[in-house]
Protein backbone atom coordinates (compact mmCIF):
# COMPACT_ATOMS: atom_id res chain seq x y z
CA LYS A 1 5.33 6.38 20.24
CA PRO A 2 4.27 3.43 22.45
CA LYS A 3 1.72 2.47 19.79
CA SER A 4 4.31 2.22 17.00
CA SER A 5 6.69 0.11 19.11
CA PHE A 6 3.76 -2.15 20.01
CA LEU A 7 2.94 -2.55 16.32
CA ARG A 8 6.56 -3.38 15.59
CA THR A 9 6.50 -6.25 18.06
CA VAL A 10 3.17 -7.53 16.72
CA ILE A 11 4.11 -7.31 13.04
CA LYS A 12 6.85 -9.76 12.09
CA GLU A 13 9.77 -8.53 10.01
CA GLU A 14 8.73 -11.02 7.33
CA ASP A 15 5.32 -9.38 7.03
CA ILE A 16 6.92 -5.93 6.81
CA SER A 17 9.20 -7.07 3.98
CA LYS A 18 6.21 -8.62 2.18
CA VAL A 19 4.36 -5.30 2.42
CA ILE A 20 7.40 -3.42 1.12
CA ILE A 21 7.74 -5.85 -1.82
CA ARG A 22 4.02 -5.53 -2.58
CA ASP A 23 4.19 -1.71 -2.47
CA ALA A 24 7.24 -1.76 -4.75
CA SER A 25 5.42 -3.93 -7.28
CA ILE A 26 2.41 -1.57 -7.13
CA LEU A 27 4.73 1.40 -7.73
CA SER A 28 6.33 -0.33 -10.72
CA VAL A 29 2.92 -0.81 -12.32
CA GLY A 30 2.47 1.20 -15.53
CA GLU A 31 0.95 4.68 -15.46
CA ASP A 32 -2.03 3.51 -17.51
CA LYS A 33 -2.96 0.98 -14.83
CA LEU A 34 -2.51 3.64 -12.14
CA LYS A 35 -4.78 6.01 -14.08
CA SER A 36 -7.46 3.34 -14.51
CA ARG A 37 -7.16 2.56 -10.80
CA ALA A 38 -7.58 6.26 -9.99
CA SER A 39 -10.68 6.43 -12.18
CA LEU A 40 -12.05 3.38 -10.34
CA PHE A 41 -11.52 5.13 -7.02
CA LEU A 42 -13.30 8.21 -8.37
CA ARG A 43 -16.15 6.00 -9.58
CA TRP A 44 -16.48 4.53 -6.08
CA GLY A 45 -16.55 8.05 -4.65
CA PHE A 46 -13.07 8.12 -3.12
CA ASP A 47 -10.83 11.17 -3.40
CA THR A 48 -7.43 10.45 -4.92
């Protein structure tokens, strides 16, 4: 728990909202792009 509260003080609320907006835009990306991204990860040897 101390670690998460420390992170909260380090990370500005602005940055958190930017991350949330970025994640939302990634989630709204079409399935085809997500599938191609997954195949890229597999090509690089990452498990999805």
